[in-house]
Structures are given as C-alpha cells and as structure tokens.
Amino acid sequence: MWRGVLLVLGLAIGIAGAAVWIANRRFDRQVDSQIEGLFSAVHAAGHVVTEGDLTPLPEPVRRWLRYAGVIGKPMPSTVRLRQVGRIRLGPESPWMPFRADQYYTLDPVAFVWRVSASMVPGLFVRGVDAFTGGLGRMQMKPLALFSVVDASGPSLDQGSALRYLQEIVWFPFAALSSHISWETIDDSHAKATLHGERGDVDGVFAFGEDGRVVSFEADRYRDEKPEAVLRPWRALTYDDAKVSGIRIPRRGKGIWVLDDSPFSYVEIEIVEIDLDTPVVYPR
C-alpha cells in the first residue's frame, strides 16, 4: 500500500515539476521575443561624444558626464545589464531576493526588465516590466504558471517613464538624448524632463561635488487600493565604479514616501553591464 502511495506521490511531483519547467521555458521565450523586438526597433547612434556636446547642459550635469567618462566614447544605441537585490511590497512585507536582466534602447526610449524573485524556498515569481511606445505593462506569475498581476494604464505609463529617466544613471550617454531636456536648479541639482510618446515626465537629480549622481526624486504613481496614488518617490545611488569603461553607481535603493514615513522597497546591485550588445543574455 505505502509503495503505491509513494509511487503516485512521486509521479505527481514529477508532473508538477515538468509543468513548472515548461511554463518557465514558455515565459522566457515570450520575454526573449519582447527583447528582440525592442532591439529591432532601435535607431543607430554612433556619434562620438565631445566636450562641445556638454555645453548646453546645466553645470552639474556636465560635471556628472565628465565624471562618468563619456567624452571621447561613442553614443550607444542599446544597453543590457544584470542585477541582483531584494524587493518588498510594503513596509511590513518580507524582503524577497531577486535576480534580473534588463535591456534598454536610447532611441526609441524603451526597456524590458525580466525578474525572478524568491517568495519562500521553493516558491518563486517570474515577472516582466516593459516600457515601449510610451506604454508600460507589468506581469507577475508565480512559478511562471499564471498571472497574479497584469497591469497597464496611464499610471503605469507614468511610473515606467520615470523609471527609465532615473535609470539613465547606468547609461549616462542618455543625458545627451534629444528625448531628454534639462533645467538648472542650482550647482548640485538639475531637473530632467523625458519627452515621451504619451506625454512628459520629470524629476530632479542631485549631484555630488565630484560629479556623481546622489539621488533622483519625483512624484510617481504607486499601485494602491482602490486606485493608484501619486506619491513622492526617491532613488538613492552609491558605490560608484568603472563598468564597461563608464563610471556608474553599482548599488541603489528605491524609496516610497507614504503618509506615515518613507520606506525602502527595493535594493539593487549591478553585476554586469554591456553597451551596444543587442542580444539576450544566455541563461
């Protein structure tokens, strides 16, 4: 009797495991196709950045780009990176470790972020956050089997555009893009506006005396019940290092400011970054 029970149990576990494996393969193929579509729409750059290109920019932005080391290097058309970190949904929610790969184009403005987050040992969530054509879309699938989140709409469009704008700290060349304009605030702050296909978004970058980016702040829609709420949002960046010949912050954290107090909801470390390598990372 027990042998039969164990046989049935083993068979069930095997079938469940196969279903999860198939679902993950299907999920990755779908995301790979999104990434390939992203790269196929790119407009090639190739212009070598000169000191003269920095002249129209606010002084703290010029200081940042010199610090980053973009002068004398060609403008990339694409960026890809890998990151690890941890994320949580609210101040009282547990942290979930994650790993992700992300892909950007500078023209058009777009990205695809693929993530795998561990909820508890043996239970993970696969997700994709994409921004193309001025539209954001986010999907989250436990074990890649079914969607628990499939979000889109104007509030997500705004949040995705702000995410792109903040994340140019990892590819500073984008500060010279025709899609982004700058306004001087003072010697250590500048306002950046991303001119998108569905509207503009803006935020304020803060810079250190040496030129490094210290933070980014904006009002961003946060998904809450019964509807998204516009909240103060901050991104702090630090641990700068040269990666692929460019000095960028390797670590950062995202902070929401709620009614009670600010809380950190994501912490990120960049482990790899490549410019003008328009292929999907091998798994």
C-alpha atoms as a PDB file:
ATOM      1  CA  MET A   1       0.000   0.000   0.000  1.00  0.00           C
ATOM      2  CA  TRP A   2       2.640   2.521   1.038  1.00  0.00           C
ATOM      3  CA  ARG A   3       4.685   1.677  -2.031  1.00  0.00           C
ATOM      4  CA  GLY A   4       1.701   2.556  -4.208  1.00  0.00           C
ATOM      5  CA  VAL A   5       1.116   5.823  -2.353  1.00  0.00           C
ATOM      6  CA  LEU A   6       4.749   6.801  -2.737  1.00  0.00           C
ATOM      7  CA  LEU A   7       4.656   5.907  -6.423  1.00  0.00           C
ATOM      8  CA  VAL A   8       1.601   8.099  -7.005  1.00  0.00           C
ATOM      9  CA  LEU A   9       3.136  10.919  -4.954  1.00  0.00           C
ATOM     10  CA  GLY A  10       6.391  10.715  -6.892  1.00  0.00           C
ATOM     11  CA  LEU A  11       4.510  10.735 -10.174  1.00  0.00           C
ATOM     12  CA  ALA A  12       2.512  13.802  -9.099  1.00  0.00           C
ATOM     13  CA  ILE A  13       5.654  15.642  -8.074  1.00  0.00           C
ATOM     14  CA  GLY A  14       7.277  14.756 -11.385  1.00  0.00           C
ATOM     15  CA  ILE A  15       4.288  16.038 -13.365  1.00  0.00           C
ATOM     16  CA  ALA A  16       4.185  19.251 -11.329  1.00  0.00           C
ATOM     17  CA  GLY A  17       7.899  19.786 -11.833  1.00  0.00           C
ATOM     18  CA  ALA A  18       7.557  19.239 -15.566  1.00  0.00           C
ATOM     19  CA  ALA A  19       4.675  21.715 -15.722  1.00  0.00           C
ATOM     20  CA  VAL A  20       6.765  24.375 -13.947  1.00  0.00           C
ATOM     21  CA  TRP A  21       9.741  23.703 -16.245  1.00  0.00           C
ATOM     22  CA  ILE A  22       7.566  24.020 -19.350  1.00  0.00           C
ATOM     23  CA  ALA A  23       5.923  27.198 -18.028  1.00  0.00           C
ATOM     24  CA  ASN A  24       9.318  28.802 -17.355  1.00  0.00           C
ATOM     25  CA  ARG A  25      10.585  27.876 -20.805  1.00  0.00           C
ATOM     26  CA  ARG A  26       7.489  29.398 -22.369  1.00  0.00           C
ATOM     27  CA  PHE A  27       7.796  32.535 -20.215  1.00  0.00           C
ATOM     28  CA  ASP A  28      11.444  33.046 -21.193  1.00  0.00           C
ATOM     29  CA  ARG A  29      10.728  32.526 -24.890  1.00  0.00           C
ATOM     30  CA  GLN A  30       7.988  35.169 -24.738  1.00  0.00           C
ATOM     31  CA  VAL A  31      10.237  37.667 -22.952  1.00  0.00           C
ATOM     32  CA  ASP A  32      13.131  36.903 -25.307  1.00  0.00           C
ATOM     33  CA  SER A  33      10.805  37.768 -28.176  1.00  0.00           C
ATOM     34  CA  GLN A  34       9.941  41.099 -26.499  1.00  0.00           C
ATOM     35  CA  ILE A  35      13.629  41.907 -26.097  1.00  0.00           C
ATOM     36  CA  GLU A  36      14.407  41.029 -29.706  1.00  0.00           C
ATOM     37  CA  GLY A  37      11.540  43.271 -30.809  1.00  0.00           C
ATOM     38  CA  LEU A  38      12.967  46.051 -28.662  1.00  0.00           C
ATOM     39  CA  PHE A  39      16.350  45.769 -30.357  1.00  0.00           C
ATOM     40  CA  SER A  40      14.865  45.508 -33.855  1.00  0.00           C
ATOM     41  CA  ALA A  41      13.263  48.973 -33.493  1.00  0.00           C
ATOM     42  CA  VAL A  42      16.457  50.763 -32.470  1.00  0.00           C
ATOM     43  CA  HIS A  43      17.798  53.791 -34.319  1.00  0.00           C
ATOM     44  CA  ALA A  44      21.578  53.551 -34.532  1.00  0.00           C
ATOM     45  CA  ALA A  45      23.647  56.238 -32.814  1.00  0.00           C
ATOM     46  CA  GLY A  46      27.450  56.038 -33.174  1.00  0.00           C
ATOM     47  CA  HIS A  47      28.213  59.732 -32.578  1.00  0.00           C
ATOM     48  CA  VAL A  48      31.364  60.177 -30.508  1.00  0.00           C
ATOM     49  CA  VAL A  49      30.697  62.435 -27.525  1.00  0.00           C
ATOM     50  CA  THR A  50      32.726  65.637 -27.395  1.00  0.00           C
ATOM     51  CA  GLU A  51      33.155  68.357 -24.796  1.00  0.00           C
ATOM     52  CA  GLY A  52      31.087  70.592 -27.045  1.00  0.00           C
ATOM     53  CA  ASP A  53      28.101  68.252 -26.700  1.00  0.00           C
ATOM     54  CA  LEU A  54      28.020  69.089 -22.982  1.00  0.00           C
ATOM     55  CA  THR A  55      27.912  72.877 -23.479  1.00  0.00           C
ATOM     56  CA  PRO A  56      24.090  73.307 -23.490  1.00  0.00           C
ATOM     57  CA  LEU A  57      23.653  71.296 -20.289  1.00  0.00           C
ATOM     58  CA  PRO A  58      23.411  72.592 -16.702  1.00  0.00           C
ATOM     59  CA  GLU A  59      26.759  72.694 -14.924  1.00  0.00           C
ATOM     60  CA  PRO A  60      26.007  69.792 -12.506  1.00  0.00           C
ATOM     61  CA  VAL A  61      25.014  67.591 -15.478  1.00  0.00           C
ATOM     62  CA  ARG A  62      28.211  68.499 -17.323  1.00  0.00           C
ATOM     63  CA  ARG A  63      30.155  67.646 -14.181  1.00  0.00           C
ATOM     64  CA  TRP A  64      28.389  64.269 -13.996  1.00  0.00           C
ATOM     65  CA  LEU A  65      29.123  63.347 -17.620  1.00  0.00           C
ATOM     66  CA  ARG A  66      32.809  64.265 -17.276  1.00  0.00           C
ATOM     67  CA  TYR A  67      32.967  62.220 -14.063  1.00  0.00           C
ATOM     68  CA  ALA A  68      31.266  59.269 -15.805  1.00  0.00           C
ATOM     69  CA  GLY A  69      33.819  59.399 -18.618  1.00  0.00           C
ATOM     70  CA  VAL A  70      31.546  59.641 -21.665  1.00  0.00           C
ATOM     71  CA  ILE A  71      33.687  62.166 -23.565  1.00  0.00           C
ATOM     72  CA  GLY A  72      35.536  60.534 -26.435  1.00  0.00           C
ATOM     73  CA  LYS A  73      33.276  57.478 -26.428  1.00  0.00           C
ATOM     74  CA  PRO A  74      30.572  56.621 -28.972  1.00  0.00           C
ATOM     75  CA  MET A  75      26.924  57.022 -28.025  1.00  0.00           C
ATOM     76  CA  PRO A  76      25.478  53.531 -27.561  1.00  0.00           C
ATOM     77  CA  SER A  77      22.178  52.522 -29.115  1.00  0.00           C
ATOM     78  CA  THR A  78      21.448  49.715 -26.658  1.00  0.00           C
ATOM     79  CA  VAL A  79      22.276  48.787 -23.074  1.00  0.00           C
ATOM     80  CA  ARG A  80      21.872  45.499 -21.247  1.00  0.00           C
ATOM     81  CA  LEU A  81      22.611  44.685 -17.628  1.00  0.00           C
ATOM     82  CA  ARG A  82      22.240  42.083 -14.928  1.00  0.00           C
ATOM     83  CA  GLN A  83      21.335  42.872 -11.354  1.00  0.00           C
ATOM     84  CA  VAL A  84      20.607  41.211  -8.038  1.00  0.00           C
ATOM     85  CA  GLY A  85      18.890  42.574  -4.987  1.00  0.00           C
ATOM     86  CA  ARG A  86      15.845  42.326  -2.802  1.00  0.00           C
ATOM     87  CA  ILE A  87      12.334  43.755  -3.022  1.00  0.00           C
ATOM     88  CA  ARG A  88       9.210  44.020  -0.877  1.00  0.00           C
ATOM     89  CA  LEU A  89       5.645  45.170  -1.447  1.00  0.00           C
ATOM     90  CA  GLY A  90       5.110  47.244   1.708  1.00  0.00           C
ATOM     91  CA  PRO A  91       6.699  48.396   4.971  1.00  0.00           C
ATOM     92  CA  GLU A  92       5.536  45.265   6.812  1.00  0.00           C
ATOM     93  CA  SER A  93       6.104  42.831   3.934  1.00  0.00           C
ATOM     94  CA  PRO A  94       9.048  40.416   3.917  1.00  0.00           C
ATOM     95  CA  TRP A  95      12.020  41.034   1.655  1.00  0.00           C
ATOM     96  CA  MET A  96      12.278  38.799  -1.412  1.00  0.00           C
ATOM     97  CA  PRO A  97      15.693  38.241  -3.008  1.00  0.00           C
ATOM     98  CA  PHE A  98      15.699  38.574  -6.781  1.00  0.00           C
ATOM     99  CA  ARG A  99      17.857  38.417  -9.873  1.00  0.00           C
ATOM    100  CA  ALA A 100      17.046  40.219 -13.098  1.00  0.00           C
ATOM    101  CA  ASP A 101      18.228  41.091 -16.568  1.00  0.00           C
ATOM    102  CA  GLN A 102      17.264  44.369 -18.228  1.00  0.00           C
ATOM    103  CA  TYR A 103      17.509  45.789 -21.745  1.00  0.00           C
ATOM    104  CA  TYR A 104      17.245  49.415 -22.908  1.00  0.00           C
ATOM    105  CA  THR A 105      17.245  51.381 -26.132  1.00  0.00           C
ATOM    106  CA  LEU A 106      18.097  55.084 -26.254  1.00  0.00           C
ATOM    107  CA  ASP A 107      16.094  55.810 -29.393  1.00  0.00           C
ATOM    108  CA  PRO A 108      13.303  54.963 -29.132  1.00  0.00           C
ATOM    109  CA  VAL A 109      13.076  55.240 -25.342  1.00  0.00           C
ATOM    110  CA  ALA A 110      12.223  51.731 -24.141  1.00  0.00           C
ATOM    111  CA  PHE A 111      13.156  48.930 -21.746  1.00  0.00           C
ATOM    112  CA  VAL A 112      12.323  45.345 -20.809  1.00  0.00           C
ATOM    113  CA  TRP A 113      13.080  44.058 -17.285  1.00  0.00           C
ATOM    114  CA  ARG A 114      12.827  40.350 -16.516  1.00  0.00           C
ATOM    115  CA  VAL A 115      12.905  39.245 -12.885  1.00  0.00           C
ATOM    116  CA  SER A 116      12.837  36.089 -10.798  1.00  0.00           C
ATOM    117  CA  ALA A 117      12.051  36.705  -7.111  1.00  0.00           C
ATOM    118  CA  SER A 118      12.033  34.107  -4.337  1.00  0.00           C
ATOM    119  CA  MET A 119       8.970  34.373  -2.076  1.00  0.00           C
ATOM    120  CA  VAL A 120       9.897  31.398   0.134  1.00  0.00           C
ATOM    121  CA  PRO A 121      12.228  28.446  -0.509  1.00  0.00           C
ATOM    122  CA  GLY A 122      10.831  26.543  -3.469  1.00  0.00           C
ATOM    123  CA  LEU A 123       8.313  29.233  -4.455  1.00  0.00           C
ATOM    124  CA  PHE A 124       9.348  31.952  -6.872  1.00  0.00           C
ATOM    125  CA  VAL A 125       7.711  34.585  -9.040  1.00  0.00           C
ATOM    126  CA  ARG A 126       8.669  35.348 -12.636  1.00  0.00           C
ATOM    127  CA  GLY A 127       7.902  38.815 -13.858  1.00  0.00           C
ATOM    128  CA  VAL A 128       8.394  41.229 -16.728  1.00  0.00           C
ATOM    129  CA  ASP A 129       8.152  45.031 -16.625  1.00  0.00           C
ATOM    130  CA  ALA A 130       8.229  46.648 -20.073  1.00  0.00           C
ATOM    131  CA  PHE A 131       8.064  50.181 -21.428  1.00  0.00           C
ATOM    132  CA  THR A 132       7.684  50.554 -25.189  1.00  0.00           C
ATOM    133  CA  GLY A 133       5.899  53.116 -27.333  1.00  0.00           C
ATOM    134  CA  GLY A 134       5.296  55.226 -24.237  1.00  0.00           C
ATOM    135  CA  LEU A 135       3.235  52.426 -22.660  1.00  0.00           C
ATOM    136  CA  GLY A 136       4.084  50.431 -19.549  1.00  0.00           C
ATOM    137  CA  ARG A 137       2.996  46.889 -18.819  1.00  0.00           C
ATOM    138  CA  MET A 138       3.809  44.627 -15.874  1.00  0.00           C
ATOM    139  CA  GLN A 139       3.127  40.914 -15.438  1.00  0.00           C
ATOM    140  CA  MET A 140       3.915  38.709 -12.431  1.00  0.00           C
ATOM    141  CA  LYS A 141       3.491  34.922 -12.464  1.00  0.00           C
ATOM    142  CA  PRO A 142       4.110  32.539  -9.530  1.00  0.00           C
ATOM    143  CA  LEU A 143       6.295  29.705 -10.848  1.00  0.00           C
ATOM    144  CA  ALA A 144       5.601  31.264 -14.306  1.00  0.00           C
ATOM    145  CA  LEU A 145       2.314  29.334 -14.320  1.00  0.00           C
ATOM    146  CA  PHE A 146      -0.389  32.024 -14.150  1.00  0.00           C
ATOM    147  CA  SER A 147      -0.695  35.796 -13.801  1.00  0.00           C
ATOM    148  CA  VAL A 148      -1.408  37.400 -10.450  1.00  0.00           C
ATOM    149  CA  VAL A 149      -0.521  40.820 -11.865  1.00  0.00           C
ATOM    150  CA  ASP A 150      -1.197  42.018 -15.412  1.00  0.00           C
ATOM    151  CA  ALA A 151      -1.120  45.786 -15.147  1.00  0.00           C
ATOM    152  CA  SER A 152      -1.253  48.597 -17.692  1.00  0.00           C
ATOM    153  CA  GLY A 153      -2.767  52.047 -17.995  1.00  0.00           C
ATOM    154  CA  PRO A 154      -1.838  55.735 -17.610  1.00  0.00           C
ATOM    155  CA  SER A 155      -0.492  55.485 -14.037  1.00  0.00           C
ATOM    156  CA  LEU A 156       1.840  52.645 -15.012  1.00  0.00           C
ATOM    157  CA  ASP A 157       2.871  54.531 -18.173  1.00  0.00           C
ATOM    158  CA  GLN A 158       3.922  57.454 -15.972  1.00  0.00           C
ATOM    159  CA  GLY A 159       5.766  55.234 -13.496  1.00  0.00           C
ATOM    160  CA  SER A 160       7.591  53.325 -16.231  1.00  0.00           C
ATOM    161  CA  ALA A 161       8.709  56.549 -17.917  1.00  0.00           C
ATOM    162  CA  LEU A 162      10.051  57.860 -14.590  1.00  0.00           C
ATOM    163  CA  ARG A 163      11.823  54.573 -14.005  1.00  0.00           C
ATOM    164  CA  TYR A 164      13.595  54.909 -17.360  1.00  0.00           C
ATOM    165  CA  LEU A 165      14.548  58.516 -16.612  1.00  0.00           C
ATOM    166  CA  GLN A 166      16.048  57.627 -13.228  1.00  0.00           C
ATOM    167  CA  GLU A 167      17.901  54.596 -14.569  1.00  0.00           C
ATOM    168  CA  ILE A 168      19.962  56.616 -17.054  1.00  0.00           C
ATOM    169  CA  VAL A 169      22.443  56.784 -14.167  1.00  0.00           C
ATOM    170  CA  TRP A 170      23.577  53.385 -15.560  1.00  0.00           C
ATOM    171  CA  PHE A 171      23.994  54.720 -19.106  1.00  0.00           C
ATOM    172  CA  PRO A 172      24.818  58.434 -18.727  1.00  0.00           C
ATOM    173  CA  PHE A 173      25.016  58.920 -22.510  1.00  0.00           C
ATOM    174  CA  ALA A 174      21.203  59.171 -22.460  1.00  0.00           C
ATOM    175  CA  ALA A 175      21.542  62.563 -20.755  1.00  0.00           C
ATOM    176  CA  LEU A 176      22.511  63.853 -24.220  1.00  0.00           C
ATOM    177  CA  SER A 177      19.488  62.298 -25.914  1.00  0.00           C
ATOM    178  CA  SER A 178      17.042  64.523 -27.784  1.00  0.00           C
ATOM    179  CA  HIS A 179      14.313  62.821 -25.735  1.00  0.00           C
ATOM    180  CA  ILE A 180      15.590  64.446 -22.505  1.00  0.00           C
ATOM    181  CA  SER A 181      15.831  68.141 -21.673  1.00  0.00           C
ATOM    182  CA  TRP A 182      17.449  69.774 -18.645  1.00  0.00           C
ATOM    183  CA  GLU A 183      16.886  72.818 -16.444  1.00  0.00           C
ATOM    184  CA  THR A 184      19.329  74.233 -13.906  1.00  0.00           C
ATOM    185  CA  ILE A 185      18.129  74.394 -10.301  1.00  0.00           C
ATOM    186  CA  ASP A 186      21.410  75.138  -8.532  1.00  0.00           C
ATOM    187  CA  ASP A 187      25.006  73.931  -8.505  1.00  0.00           C
ATOM    188  CA  SER A 188      24.066  70.477  -7.250  1.00  0.00           C
ATOM    189  CA  HIS A 189      20.560  69.908  -8.688  1.00  0.00           C
ATOM    190  CA  ALA A 190      19.042  69.775 -12.163  1.00  0.00           C
ATOM    191  CA  LYS A 191      15.554  68.993 -13.399  1.00  0.00           C
ATOM    192  CA  ALA A 192      15.309  66.411 -16.188  1.00  0.00           C
ATOM    193  CA  THR A 193      12.256  66.025 -18.429  1.00  0.00           C
ATOM    194  CA  LEU A 194      11.697  62.929 -20.522  1.00  0.00           C
ATOM    195  CA  HIS A 195       9.614  63.772 -23.576  1.00  0.00           C
ATOM    196  CA  GLY A 196       7.677  60.613 -24.310  1.00  0.00           C
ATOM    197  CA  GLU A 197       5.279  59.396 -26.944  1.00  0.00           C
ATOM    198  CA  ARG A 198       2.395  59.582 -24.449  1.00  0.00           C
ATOM    199  CA  GLY A 199       3.443  62.676 -22.534  1.00  0.00           C
ATOM    200  CA  ASP A 200       6.278  64.121 -20.486  1.00  0.00           C
ATOM    201  CA  VAL A 201       7.569  63.182 -17.043  1.00  0.00           C
ATOM    202  CA  ASP A 202      10.171  64.969 -14.947  1.00  0.00           C
ATOM    203  CA  GLY A 203      12.253  64.634 -11.817  1.00  0.00           C
ATOM    204  CA  VAL A 204      15.207  66.182 -10.026  1.00  0.00           C
ATOM    205  CA  PHE A 205      18.708  64.715  -9.978  1.00  0.00           C
ATOM    206  CA  ALA A 206      21.091  65.622  -7.141  1.00  0.00           C
ATOM    207  CA  PHE A 207      24.853  65.550  -7.772  1.00  0.00           C
ATOM    208  CA  GLY A 208      27.901  65.422  -5.546  1.00  0.00           C
ATOM    209  CA  GLU A 209      30.779  67.875  -5.814  1.00  0.00           C
ATOM    210  CA  ASP A 210      32.793  65.257  -7.702  1.00  0.00           C
ATOM    211  CA  GLY A 211      30.005  64.797 -10.262  1.00  0.00           C
ATOM    212  CA  ARG A 212      28.464  61.545  -9.103  1.00  0.00           C
ATOM    213  CA  VAL A 213      24.691  61.165  -9.005  1.00  0.00           C
ATOM    214  CA  VAL A 214      23.463  61.064  -5.413  1.00  0.00           C
ATOM    215  CA  SER A 215      19.700  60.798  -5.839  1.00  0.00           C
ATOM    216  CA  PHE A 216      16.649  61.257  -8.021  1.00  0.00           C
ATOM    217  CA  GLU A 217      13.253  62.493  -6.793  1.00  0.00           C
ATOM    218  CA  ALA A 218       9.846  62.730  -8.448  1.00  0.00           C
ATOM    219  CA  ASP A 219       6.152  62.259  -7.803  1.00  0.00           C
ATOM    220  CA  ARG A 220       5.235  58.804  -9.115  1.00  0.00           C
ATOM    221  CA  TYR A 221       2.044  56.783  -9.138  1.00  0.00           C
ATOM    222  CA  ARG A 222       2.066  53.859  -6.699  1.00  0.00           C
ATOM    223  CA  ASP A 223      -0.346  50.946  -7.099  1.00  0.00           C
ATOM    224  CA  GLU A 224      -2.698  51.098  -4.123  1.00  0.00           C
ATOM    225  CA  LYS A 225      -6.307  50.120  -3.466  1.00  0.00           C
ATOM    226  CA  PRO A 226      -8.752  51.116  -4.820  1.00  0.00           C
ATOM    227  CA  GLU A 227      -6.612  53.129  -7.264  1.00  0.00           C
ATOM    228  CA  ALA A 228      -3.071  54.330  -7.876  1.00  0.00           C
ATOM    229  CA  VAL A 229      -1.917  57.271  -5.732  1.00  0.00           C
ATOM    230  CA  LEU A 230       0.678  59.906  -6.635  1.00  0.00           C
ATOM    231  CA  ARG A 231       3.441  59.628  -4.026  1.00  0.00           C
ATOM    232  CA  PRO A 232       6.899  61.140  -3.516  1.00  0.00           C
ATOM    233  CA  TRP A 233       9.449  58.659  -4.851  1.00  0.00           C
ATOM    234  CA  ARG A 234      13.214  58.656  -4.366  1.00  0.00           C
ATOM    235  CA  ALA A 235      16.109  56.671  -5.725  1.00  0.00           C
ATOM    236  CA  LEU A 236      19.469  56.773  -3.939  1.00  0.00           C
ATOM    237  CA  THR A 237      22.609  55.631  -5.765  1.00  0.00           C
ATOM    238  CA  TYR A 238      26.109  54.890  -4.465  1.00  0.00           C
ATOM    239  CA  ASP A 239      29.188  52.608  -4.644  1.00  0.00           C
ATOM    240  CA  ASP A 240      30.408  54.064  -7.947  1.00  0.00           C
ATOM    241  CA  ALA A 241      32.848  52.078 -10.067  1.00  0.00           C
ATOM    242  CA  LYS A 242      34.023  51.813 -13.664  1.00  0.00           C
ATOM    243  CA  VAL A 243      31.972  49.250 -15.573  1.00  0.00           C
ATOM    244  CA  SER A 244      32.431  48.784 -19.333  1.00  0.00           C
ATOM    245  CA  GLY A 245      34.602  51.892 -19.318  1.00  0.00           C
ATOM    246  CA  ILE A 246      31.966  54.151 -17.732  1.00  0.00           C
ATOM    247  CA  ARG A 247      31.805  55.227 -14.087  1.00  0.00           C
ATOM    248  CA  ILE A 248      28.345  54.408 -12.727  1.00  0.00           C
ATOM    249  CA  PRO A 249      26.722  53.661  -9.356  1.00  0.00           C
ATOM    250  CA  ARG A 250      26.779  49.915  -8.752  1.00  0.00           C
ATOM    251  CA  ARG A 251      24.226  49.991  -5.952  1.00  0.00           C
ATOM    252  CA  GLY A 252      20.999  51.795  -5.238  1.00  0.00           C
ATOM    253  CA  LYS A 253      17.696  51.718  -3.415  1.00  0.00           C
ATOM    254  CA  GLY A 254      14.172  52.873  -4.166  1.00  0.00           C
ATOM    255  CA  ILE A 255      12.088  54.665  -1.536  1.00  0.00           C
ATOM    256  CA  TRP A 256       8.380  55.461  -1.373  1.00  0.00           C
ATOM    257  CA  VAL A 257       7.224  58.251   0.929  1.00  0.00           C
ATOM    258  CA  LEU A 258       3.857  57.226   2.364  1.00  0.00           C
ATOM    259  CA  ASP A 259       1.591  59.135   4.759  1.00  0.00           C
ATOM    260  CA  ASP A 260       3.444  57.839   7.802  1.00  0.00           C
ATOM    261  CA  SER A 261       7.065  57.726   6.728  1.00  0.00           C
ATOM    262  CA  PRO A 262       9.427  56.748   3.912  1.00  0.00           C
ATOM    263  CA  PHE A 263      10.200  53.079   3.360  1.00  0.00           C
ATOM    264  CA  SER A 264      12.784  51.364   1.170  1.00  0.00           C
ATOM    265  CA  TYR A 265      11.109  48.859  -1.137  1.00  0.00           C
ATOM    266  CA  VAL A 266      13.954  47.747  -3.390  1.00  0.00           C
ATOM    267  CA  GLU A 267      17.733  47.424  -3.105  1.00  0.00           C
ATOM    268  CA  ILE A 268      19.778  46.746  -6.243  1.00  0.00           C
ATOM    269  CA  GLU A 269      23.322  45.792  -7.178  1.00  0.00           C
ATOM    270  CA  ILE A 270      24.525  45.896 -10.782  1.00  0.00           C
ATOM    271  CA  VAL A 271      26.662  42.838 -11.508  1.00  0.00           C
ATOM    272  CA  GLU A 272      27.185  43.265 -15.255  1.00  0.00           C
ATOM    273  CA  ILE A 273      26.514  45.893 -17.908  1.00  0.00           C
ATOM    274  CA  ASP A 274      27.196  45.978 -21.650  1.00  0.00           C
ATOM    275  CA  LEU A 275      26.847  48.780 -24.173  1.00  0.00           C
ATOM    276  CA  ASP A 276      25.872  48.091 -27.786  1.00  0.00           C
ATOM    277  CA  THR A 277      25.458  44.355 -27.276  1.00  0.00           C
ATOM    278  CA  PRO A 278      21.929  43.846 -28.629  1.00  0.00           C
ATOM    279  CA  VAL A 279      21.493  40.176 -27.737  1.00  0.00           C
ATOM    280  CA  VAL A 280      19.690  38.434 -24.915  1.00  0.00           C
ATOM    281  CA  TYR A 281      21.875  37.220 -22.052  1.00  0.00           C
ATOM    282  CA  PRO A 282      22.332  33.442 -22.059  1.00  0.00           C
ATOM    283  CA  ARG A 283      20.558  31.646 -19.222  1.00  0.00           C
END
